[in-house]
Amino acid sequence: MLQSLRYGLAATALLITSQSHADTPQLPPPESTTLSKLQLMQGFPPPPDKLVTQANFNRFPNGRWALHHMRELQPSRGIARDPLADVAKLKYKDRGLGDLRFDDGSGQTTTVSEWLRDTYTDAFIVLHKGRVVYETYADGMDDQDQHILWSVTKSVTGLLAADMIQRGELDPDVTVAHYVPELKDSAWGDATVQQVLDMTAAVRYREDYKDFTSDVYRYAFSSGILPKPKNYQGPASLYEFLASLTEKSGEHGKQFTYQTVQSEVVAWIISKASGRDYTDLLSERIWSKLGAERDAYVLVDPHGTPLAGGGMNATLRDLARFAEMVRRKGHYNGEQVVSKAAIEDIFKGGERSKFEGGGLDFRRGQSYHNQWYQTHNDHGALQAAGIHGQMIHIDPQAELVVVKFSSHPVASSSFTYTSTTAALDAITEALQ
């Protein structure tokens, strides 16, 4: 596989496209891939050429339907809201941002609405000072649909771990083996919890998508993201696969390298340290306190293990509530949901020198800490990102939250990062 996709959601970067920036094919006009025109999964049963399954959801344009119907394709586990709690009402003040014009970074002028269309956006919301100033959904998706977050899931997982650290329930300076003896003989055995959280644990994990014997395919098969091929003899579960990675790629703590397996280890640590299933703890500590409209859910492996590196699904508004809670330093819906200190630590970011050379050249000058990107722009904006255009953007100075769900044909965020940054800058300036 090519360099630009290596840093998408590990195995899932292969799922919908395998092209790099340089050899991306001519993309179909977004308006030709609306669900009303595609007619995917229509009929009883759908015609064979309109049927979306676990085996073909990775082929565009099937993702335009699949990415907000993942529970119908793969096993999952719920992340419950509080069924007795009122929904946290969102206040609205429309600012007409769809018509806002800006330079998309390539010298072309466009509008927010056109940019959303051209980046195959499924749903998009902007909150300013806690009020919804813009919200839109593409054909085929509505405000009750749960969309997969892909690697935005990592940031939810990282926040849960960061809060446990502030509670004294998790020691960031002890080794992984202290919490997960099953990984004692793996490459993670002597890495610290913090190094795993910051993706500086040096694990030899090969992501050659052209070679079906590479680690990324074993991850995809063992976790259930891709169907196991006939006569497959590799690991049968996520935990078994993680324990099989025994070689280091260097010295722990020296260099950031984006690897979804690091996030899966974080979730394993969380469960071992708390004695709780990841989904139950996430529900109790965060999701049940947001006044969410719907339960969230996470995809699971064949043994029921949550895929905490990219398997979470939620509605647009509920993820916006989560992001607004982060912007407010953990306080939302009338209570302190997570520790203020945990949020402040994430906003500080990581060491930029370790991030440099990690392969994410389109994020030059940024850092990674506790599974979040700190942009280090003038406003100190924080970001969470997933393949095919999933995004949380939190600007503390502008009091701005943006959430975007997409089903872009190209997996890598690098493909649209320039225009996305230009759009965010234009929205920020207009609201200020």
Protein backbone atom coordinates (compact mmCIF):
# COMPACT_ATOMS: atom_id res chain seq x y z
CA MET A 1 0.00 0.00 0.00
CA LEU A 2 1.08 3.53 -0.59
CA GLN A 3 2.47 5.99 1.93
CA SER A 4 -0.47 8.38 2.05
CA LEU A 5 -2.86 5.68 3.28
CA ARG A 6 -0.51 4.08 5.77
CA TYR A 7 -1.63 6.53 8.38
CA GLY A 8 -5.35 6.11 8.00
CA LEU A 9 -7.09 3.70 10.33
CA ALA A 10 -4.53 0.89 10.02
CA ALA A 11 -6.44 -2.01 8.49
CA THR A 12 -9.50 0.00 7.57
CA ALA A 13 -7.49 2.33 5.39
CA LEU A 14 -7.55 -0.51 2.88
CA LEU A 15 -11.30 -0.88 3.06
CA ILE A 16 -12.71 1.63 0.64
CA THR A 17 -9.78 2.78 -1.46
CA SER A 18 -6.14 1.97 -1.99
CA GLN A 19 -5.04 4.96 -4.02
CA SER A 20 -2.54 7.58 -2.93
CA HIS A 21 -2.76 11.25 -3.72
CA ALA A 22 -0.56 10.72 -6.76
CA ASP A 23 -2.53 7.95 -8.47
CA THR A 24 -6.08 8.64 -7.34
CA PRO A 25 -8.50 7.89 -10.18
CA GLN A 26 -10.94 10.44 -11.47
CA LEU A 27 -13.52 10.73 -8.70
CA PRO A 28 -17.19 10.41 -9.61
CA PRO A 29 -19.25 13.58 -9.28
CA PRO A 30 -20.58 13.55 -5.70
CA GLU A 31 -24.09 14.35 -6.91
CA SER A 32 -24.05 11.09 -8.90
CA THR A 33 -23.44 9.03 -5.74
CA THR A 34 -26.39 10.12 -3.63
CA LEU A 35 -28.33 7.20 -2.22
CA SER A 36 -31.47 8.22 -4.05
CA LYS A 37 -29.56 7.67 -7.31
CA LEU A 38 -27.53 4.65 -6.21
CA GLN A 39 -30.57 2.80 -4.83
CA LEU A 40 -28.33 0.65 -2.64
CA MET A 41 -30.12 -1.87 -0.38
CA GLN A 42 -33.51 -1.05 -1.90
CA GLY A 43 -36.02 -3.87 -2.37
CA PHE A 44 -36.98 -7.12 -0.64
CA PRO A 45 -34.43 -8.45 -1.33
CA PRO A 46 -32.21 -5.84 -3.00
CA PRO A 47 -30.98 -6.79 -6.47
CA PRO A 48 -27.53 -8.47 -6.38
CA ASP A 49 -25.82 -5.39 -7.84
CA LYS A 50 -27.35 -3.19 -5.11
CA LEU A 51 -26.58 -5.47 -2.18
CA VAL A 52 -24.06 -4.17 0.40
CA THR A 53 -22.36 -6.80 2.57
CA GLN A 54 -19.37 -7.11 4.87
CA ALA A 55 -17.45 -8.49 1.91
CA ASN A 56 -18.07 -5.50 -0.40
CA PHE A 57 -18.85 -2.46 1.76
CA ASN A 58 -15.24 -1.39 1.18
CA ARG A 59 -15.86 -0.78 -2.51
CA PHE A 60 -16.97 2.73 -3.43
CA PRO A 61 -19.74 3.80 -3.70
CA ASN A 62 -21.04 1.16 -1.27
CA GLY A 63 -19.56 3.12 1.63
CA ARG A 64 -22.05 5.91 1.02
CA TRP A 65 -24.67 3.57 2.49
CA ALA A 66 -22.48 1.37 4.66
CA LEU A 67 -20.79 4.01 6.82
CA HIS A 68 -24.05 4.85 8.54
CA HIS A 69 -25.34 1.27 8.59
CA MET A 70 -22.33 -0.54 10.05
CA ARG A 71 -24.34 -2.34 12.71
CA GLU A 72 -26.21 -4.14 9.95
CA LEU A 73 -22.94 -5.52 8.57
CA GLN A 74 -20.79 -6.40 11.60
CA PRO A 75 -21.31 -7.45 15.23
CA SER A 76 -21.43 -4.56 17.68
CA ARG A 77 -21.88 -3.67 21.35
CA GLY A 78 -23.91 -0.76 22.67
CA ILE A 79 -22.60 2.31 24.51
CA ALA A 80 -25.68 3.31 26.44
CA ARG A 81 -27.03 6.77 27.12
CA ASP A 82 -28.91 7.24 30.39
CA PRO A 83 -32.45 6.06 29.48
CA LEU A 84 -33.95 8.07 32.34
CA ALA A 85 -32.18 11.33 31.54
CA ASP A 86 -33.60 14.16 29.46
CA VAL A 87 -31.91 14.90 26.17
CA ALA A 88 -29.59 17.90 26.46
CA LYS A 89 -31.35 20.47 24.30
CA LEU A 90 -29.28 22.23 21.67
CA LYS A 91 -29.97 25.90 21.04
CA TYR A 92 -30.04 27.10 17.44
CA LYS A 93 -29.00 30.35 15.81
CA ASP A 94 -28.62 29.90 12.06
CA ARG A 95 -25.76 31.92 10.57
CA GLY A 96 -26.25 30.92 6.91
CA LEU A 97 -22.77 29.44 6.64
CA GLY A 98 -23.67 27.34 3.59
CA ASP A 99 -23.30 30.39 1.33
CA LEU A 100 -19.99 31.50 2.88
CA ARG A 101 -17.37 31.87 0.13
CA PHE A 102 -13.68 31.11 0.61
CA ASP A 103 -10.50 30.15 -1.24
CA ASP A 104 -10.15 26.38 -0.94
CA GLY A 105 -6.34 26.55 -0.80
CA SER A 106 -5.80 25.71 -4.45
CA GLY A 107 -6.73 29.12 -5.78
CA GLN A 108 -10.35 28.18 -6.42
CA THR A 109 -13.25 29.97 -4.78
CA THR A 110 -16.02 27.82 -3.39
CA THR A 111 -18.76 27.92 -0.77
CA VAL A 112 -19.18 25.85 2.38
CA SER A 113 -22.10 24.01 0.78
CA GLU A 114 -20.07 23.24 -2.34
CA TRP A 115 -17.10 22.12 -0.24
CA LEU A 116 -19.33 19.77 1.74
CA ARG A 117 -20.74 18.30 -1.46
CA ASP A 118 -17.30 17.96 -3.08
CA THR A 119 -15.87 16.15 -0.04
CA TYR A 120 -18.75 13.62 -0.02
CA THR A 121 -20.05 14.85 3.31
CA ASP A 122 -22.83 12.84 4.95
CA ALA A 123 -23.52 15.21 7.86
CA PHE A 124 -21.99 18.42 9.21
CA ILE A 125 -22.59 20.61 12.26
CA VAL A 126 -21.06 23.80 13.65
CA LEU A 127 -21.50 25.02 17.24
CA HIS A 128 -20.46 28.52 18.27
CA LYS A 129 -20.54 29.37 21.96
CA GLY A 130 -22.64 26.25 22.45
CA ARG A 131 -25.30 27.19 19.86
CA VAL A 132 -25.84 25.28 16.62
CA VAL A 133 -25.20 27.82 13.89
CA TYR A 134 -25.19 25.36 10.99
CA GLU A 135 -26.36 21.77 10.52
CA THR A 136 -26.91 19.79 7.34
CA TYR A 137 -27.40 16.18 6.23
CA ALA A 138 -26.82 14.60 2.84
CA ASP A 139 -29.36 12.56 0.96
CA GLY A 140 -29.76 9.20 2.68
CA MET A 141 -28.75 10.25 6.20
CA ASP A 142 -30.71 12.02 8.94
CA ASP A 143 -30.21 13.25 12.49
CA GLN A 144 -31.01 9.84 14.01
CA ASP A 145 -28.53 7.83 11.95
CA GLN A 146 -25.37 6.63 13.66
CA HIS A 147 -22.28 7.08 11.49
CA ILE A 148 -18.97 5.29 11.98
CA LEU A 149 -16.27 7.55 13.43
CA TRP A 150 -13.32 5.46 12.26
CA SER A 151 -10.22 6.89 13.98
CA VAL A 152 -12.11 9.63 15.80
CA THR A 153 -12.84 6.66 18.07
CA LYS A 154 -9.21 6.82 19.20
CA SER A 155 -9.73 10.25 20.70
CA VAL A 156 -12.76 9.07 22.68
CA THR A 157 -10.66 6.16 23.96
CA GLY A 158 -7.77 8.50 24.77
CA LEU A 159 -9.98 10.85 26.76
CA LEU A 160 -11.34 7.95 28.81
CA ALA A 161 -7.78 6.87 29.62
CA ALA A 162 -6.68 10.44 30.40
CA ASP A 163 -9.57 10.81 32.84
CA MET A 164 -8.61 7.54 34.53
CA ILE A 165 -5.08 8.90 34.96
CA GLN A 166 -6.42 12.01 36.69
CA ARG A 167 -8.63 9.84 38.92
CA GLY A 168 -5.56 7.88 40.03
CA GLU A 169 -6.94 4.71 38.44
CA LEU A 170 -4.23 4.46 35.79
CA ASP A 171 -0.50 5.12 36.14
CA PRO A 172 0.91 6.50 32.88
CA ASP A 173 4.49 5.70 33.88
CA VAL A 174 4.22 1.97 34.50
CA THR A 175 4.72 -0.62 31.79
CA VAL A 176 2.00 -2.15 29.69
CA ALA A 177 2.87 -5.55 31.14
CA HIS A 178 1.94 -4.26 34.60
CA TYR A 179 -1.69 -3.99 33.50
CA VAL A 180 -1.78 -6.56 30.70
CA PRO A 181 0.41 -9.58 31.55
CA GLU A 182 -0.72 -11.16 28.29
CA LEU A 183 1.47 -8.57 26.51
CA LYS A 184 4.55 -9.18 28.65
CA ASP A 185 6.43 -10.91 25.82
CA SER A 186 5.12 -8.60 23.12
CA ALA A 187 6.81 -5.48 21.77
CA TRP A 188 4.67 -3.46 24.20
CA GLY A 189 5.81 -5.32 27.31
CA ASP A 190 8.29 -2.71 28.53
CA ALA A 191 6.64 0.37 26.93
CA THR A 192 4.89 2.75 29.31
CA VAL A 193 1.19 3.45 29.23
CA GLN A 194 1.90 7.04 28.22
CA GLN A 195 4.06 5.95 25.30
CA VAL A 196 1.20 3.84 23.99
CA LEU A 197 -1.23 6.74 24.47
CA ASP A 198 1.09 9.02 22.48
CA MET A 199 1.88 6.36 19.84
CA THR A 200 5.60 6.48 20.60
CA ALA A 201 5.80 2.81 21.65
CA ALA A 202 8.16 1.28 19.09
CA VAL A 203 6.30 -1.71 17.67
CA ARG A 204 7.23 -3.41 14.41
CA TYR A 205 3.93 -3.48 12.63
CA ARG A 206 4.15 -3.72 8.87
CA GLU A 207 1.45 -2.07 6.78
CA ASP A 208 2.18 -3.27 3.28
CA TYR A 209 -1.25 -3.48 1.67
CA LYS A 210 0.16 -5.14 -1.45
CA ASP A 211 1.38 -8.07 0.65
CA PHE A 212 -1.43 -10.16 2.09
CA THR A 213 0.99 -11.65 4.63
CA SER A 214 1.63 -8.24 6.23
CA ASP A 215 0.49 -7.34 9.72
CA VAL A 216 -2.26 -5.00 8.58
CA TYR A 217 -4.17 -7.87 6.97
CA ARG A 218 -3.76 -10.06 10.05
CA TYR A 219 -5.21 -7.18 12.07
CA ALA A 220 -8.16 -6.86 9.67
CA PHE A 221 -8.85 -10.60 9.63
CA SER A 222 -8.40 -11.19 13.36
CA SER A 223 -10.56 -8.22 14.35
CA GLY A 224 -13.34 -9.14 11.94
CA ILE A 225 -13.07 -5.97 9.87
CA LEU A 226 -12.49 -8.11 6.78
CA PRO A 227 -13.82 -11.64 6.27
CA LYS A 228 -11.15 -14.27 6.88
CA PRO A 229 -9.93 -15.86 3.66
CA LYS A 230 -10.31 -19.57 3.07
CA ASN A 231 -7.70 -21.62 4.94
CA TYR A 232 -6.74 -18.64 7.12
CA GLN A 233 -4.52 -19.87 9.99
CA GLY A 234 -3.68 -16.59 11.75
CA PRO A 235 -4.89 -15.04 15.02
CA ALA A 236 -8.60 -15.56 15.61
CA SER A 237 -9.19 -12.46 17.76
CA LEU A 238 -7.87 -8.97 18.36
CA TYR A 239 -6.15 -9.83 21.65
CA GLU A 240 -4.45 -12.84 20.08
CA PHE A 241 -3.20 -10.65 17.25
CA LEU A 242 -1.82 -7.94 19.57
CA ALA A 243 0.10 -10.52 21.60
CA SER A 244 1.63 -11.85 18.38
CA LEU A 245 3.46 -8.55 17.72
CA THR A 246 6.71 -9.30 19.52
CA GLU A 247 9.35 -7.27 17.67
CA LYS A 248 10.27 -3.65 18.39
CA SER A 249 11.01 -1.10 15.69
CA GLY A 250 13.40 0.93 17.84
CA GLU A 251 13.52 2.53 21.27
CA HIS A 252 10.25 3.33 22.99
CA GLY A 253 9.41 7.00 23.46
CA LYS A 254 11.56 8.42 20.67
CA GLN A 255 9.29 8.69 17.62
CA PHE A 256 5.57 9.02 16.91
CA THR A 257 4.25 6.47 14.43
CA TYR A 258 0.55 6.27 13.66
CA GLN A 259 -0.67 2.73 14.37
CA THR A 260 -4.23 1.76 15.21
CA VAL A 261 -2.95 -1.23 17.19
CA GLN A 262 -1.64 1.24 19.80
CA SER A 263 -5.22 2.40 20.44
CA GLU A 264 -6.41 -1.18 20.79
CA VAL A 265 -3.76 -1.71 23.47
CA VAL A 266 -4.96 1.44 25.27
CA ALA A 267 -8.46 -0.02 25.46
CA TRP A 268 -7.10 -3.33 26.74
CA ILE A 269 -5.23 -1.44 29.47
CA ILE A 270 -8.41 0.48 30.36
CA SER A 271 -10.36 -2.74 30.81
CA LYS A 272 -7.62 -4.45 32.81
CA ALA A 273 -7.07 -1.45 35.10
CA SER A 274 -10.78 -0.89 35.73
CA GLY A 275 -11.99 -4.46 35.63
CA ARG A 276 -14.76 -3.24 33.33
CA ASP A 277 -15.65 -3.72 29.71
CA TYR A 278 -14.52 -0.71 27.67
CA THR A 279 -18.04 -0.02 26.43
CA ASP A 280 -19.61 -0.19 29.90
CA LEU A 281 -17.02 2.19 31.33
CA LEU A 282 -17.38 4.59 28.41
CA SER A 283 -21.14 4.58 28.91
CA GLU A 284 -20.92 5.15 32.65
CA ARG A 285 -18.19 7.80 32.63
CA ILE A 286 -19.05 9.79 29.51
CA TRP A 287 -21.94 8.80 27.21
CA SER A 288 -24.62 8.53 29.90
CA LYS A 289 -23.79 12.04 31.13
CA LEU A 290 -24.03 13.94 27.85
CA GLY A 291 -27.81 14.01 27.53
CA ALA A 292 -27.32 12.08 24.30
CA GLU A 293 -30.28 11.47 22.00
CA ARG A 294 -29.24 7.90 21.18
CA ASP A 295 -26.97 5.14 22.39
CA ALA A 296 -23.67 4.94 20.56
CA TYR A 297 -22.19 1.57 19.62
CA VAL A 298 -18.85 0.02 18.75
CA LEU A 299 -17.97 -2.80 16.39
CA VAL A 300 -16.52 -5.91 18.05
CA ASP A 301 -14.19 -8.72 17.02
CA PRO A 302 -15.26 -12.40 16.83
CA HIS A 303 -14.77 -12.73 20.61
CA GLY A 304 -16.78 -9.61 21.43
CA THR A 305 -13.78 -7.33 22.03
CA PRO A 306 -14.56 -3.67 21.16
CA LEU A 307 -12.56 -2.14 18.33
CA ALA A 308 -11.56 0.97 20.27
CA GLY A 309 -9.22 2.21 17.56
CA GLY A 310 -11.91 2.84 14.97
CA GLY A 311 -15.19 1.04 15.57
CA MET A 312 -17.37 3.60 17.35
CA ASN A 313 -20.62 4.87 15.78
CA ALA A 314 -22.77 7.81 16.93
CA THR A 315 -25.21 10.44 15.68
CA LEU A 316 -23.91 13.80 14.52
CA ARG A 317 -25.54 15.79 17.32
CA ASP A 318 -24.38 13.41 20.03
CA LEU A 319 -20.79 13.59 18.84
CA ALA A 320 -21.18 17.38 18.80
CA ARG A 321 -22.31 17.19 22.45
CA PHE A 322 -19.20 15.16 23.23
CA ALA A 323 -16.96 17.69 21.45
CA GLU A 324 -18.66 20.62 23.18
CA MET A 325 -17.99 18.89 26.51
CA VAL A 326 -14.30 18.76 25.59
CA ARG A 327 -14.34 22.44 24.60
CA ARG A 328 -15.85 23.30 27.98
CA LYS A 329 -13.00 21.44 29.72
CA GLY A 330 -15.14 18.51 30.70
CA HIS A 331 -18.19 20.39 31.99
CA TYR A 332 -21.45 19.74 30.14
CA ASN A 333 -25.13 19.12 30.78
CA GLY A 334 -24.87 20.53 34.29
CA GLU A 335 -21.99 18.42 35.57
CA GLN A 336 -18.26 17.81 35.32
CA VAL A 337 -18.29 14.81 33.00
CA VAL A 338 -14.54 14.22 32.93
CA SER A 339 -11.66 15.83 34.80
CA LYS A 340 -10.80 19.38 33.82
CA ALA A 341 -7.14 18.47 34.30
CA ALA A 342 -7.47 15.63 31.77
CA ILE A 343 -8.81 18.03 29.14
CA GLU A 344 -6.19 20.68 29.86
CA ASP A 345 -3.44 18.09 29.51
CA ILE A 346 -4.78 17.01 26.12
CA PHE A 347 -4.96 20.63 24.93
CA LYS A 348 -1.27 21.09 25.79
CA GLY A 349 -0.40 18.58 23.09
CA GLY A 350 2.68 16.42 22.79
CA GLU A 351 6.27 16.91 21.73
CA ARG A 352 6.37 18.27 18.21
CA SER A 353 9.88 16.95 17.64
CA LYS A 354 8.64 13.38 18.12
CA PHE A 355 5.70 13.96 15.77
CA GLU A 356 7.98 15.25 13.01
CA GLY A 357 9.03 12.48 10.68
CA GLY A 358 6.11 10.30 11.70
CA GLY A 359 4.69 10.25 8.18
CA LEU A 360 1.85 12.75 8.55
CA ASP A 361 3.53 15.48 6.53
CA PHE A 362 0.21 17.20 5.81
CA ARG A 363 0.02 17.87 9.58
CA ARG A 364 3.46 19.43 9.72
CA GLY A 365 4.10 21.38 12.93
CA GLN A 366 1.45 19.54 14.93
CA SER A 367 1.74 17.02 17.78
CA TYR A 368 -0.10 13.99 19.16
CA HIS A 369 -0.98 13.39 22.80
CA ASN A 370 -3.45 11.02 24.45
CA GLN A 371 -4.83 10.10 21.03
CA TRP A 372 -5.63 13.70 19.98
CA TYR A 373 -3.98 16.04 17.46
CA GLN A 374 -2.93 19.46 18.72
CA THR A 375 -2.65 21.69 15.66
CA HIS A 376 -0.56 24.35 17.43
CA ASN A 377 -2.23 26.95 15.24
CA ASP A 378 -2.82 30.48 16.54
CA HIS A 379 -5.90 29.31 18.45
CA GLY A 380 -4.47 26.05 19.78
CA ALA A 381 -7.21 24.04 18.04
CA LEU A 382 -7.61 20.38 18.89
CA GLN A 383 -8.61 17.75 16.33
CA ALA A 384 -9.71 14.14 16.08
CA ALA A 385 -9.70 12.58 12.62
CA GLY A 386 -10.72 9.40 10.84
CA ILE A 387 -10.43 8.03 7.34
CA HIS A 388 -12.87 9.00 4.59
CA GLY A 389 -13.48 12.42 6.17
CA GLN A 390 -14.51 11.97 9.80
CA MET A 391 -13.51 14.92 11.98
CA ILE A 392 -13.87 16.80 15.24
CA HIS A 393 -12.40 20.31 15.34
CA ILE A 394 -12.37 22.25 18.62
CA ASP A 395 -11.18 25.87 18.69
CA PRO A 396 -11.05 27.08 22.31
CA GLN A 397 -10.32 30.71 21.47
CA ALA A 398 -13.15 31.04 18.93
CA GLU A 399 -15.46 28.93 21.15
CA LEU A 400 -16.08 26.76 18.10
CA VAL A 401 -16.90 23.07 17.60
CA VAL A 402 -17.17 21.41 14.18
CA VAL A 403 -18.09 17.78 13.49
CA LYS A 404 -18.03 16.22 10.03
CA PHE A 405 -19.12 12.78 8.82
CA SER A 406 -18.18 11.77 5.28
CA SER A 407 -17.88 8.82 2.91
CA HIS A 408 -15.12 10.13 0.64
CA PRO A 409 -13.77 7.64 -1.92
CA VAL A 410 -10.19 8.35 -0.78
CA ALA A 411 -9.33 7.16 2.70
CA SER A 412 -6.45 9.44 3.62
CA SER A 413 -7.23 12.74 5.33
CA SER A 414 -4.29 14.22 3.44
CA PHE A 415 -6.37 14.27 0.27
CA THR A 416 -8.80 16.90 1.58
CA TYR A 417 -6.82 18.45 4.42
CA THR A 418 -5.93 21.68 2.58
CA SER A 419 -9.52 22.49 1.63
CA THR A 420 -10.79 21.40 5.05
CA THR A 421 -8.36 23.72 6.80
CA ALA A 422 -9.37 26.57 4.49
CA ALA A 423 -13.06 25.92 5.22
CA LEU A 424 -12.47 25.83 8.97
CA ASP A 425 -10.49 29.07 8.82
CA ALA A 426 -13.26 30.78 6.84
CA ILE A 427 -15.96 29.58 9.25
CA THR A 428 -13.90 30.70 12.25
CA GLU A 429 -13.32 34.15 10.77
CA ALA A 430 -17.00 34.58 9.84
CA LEU A 431 -18.17 33.70 13.35
CA GLN A 432 -15.63 35.91 15.09
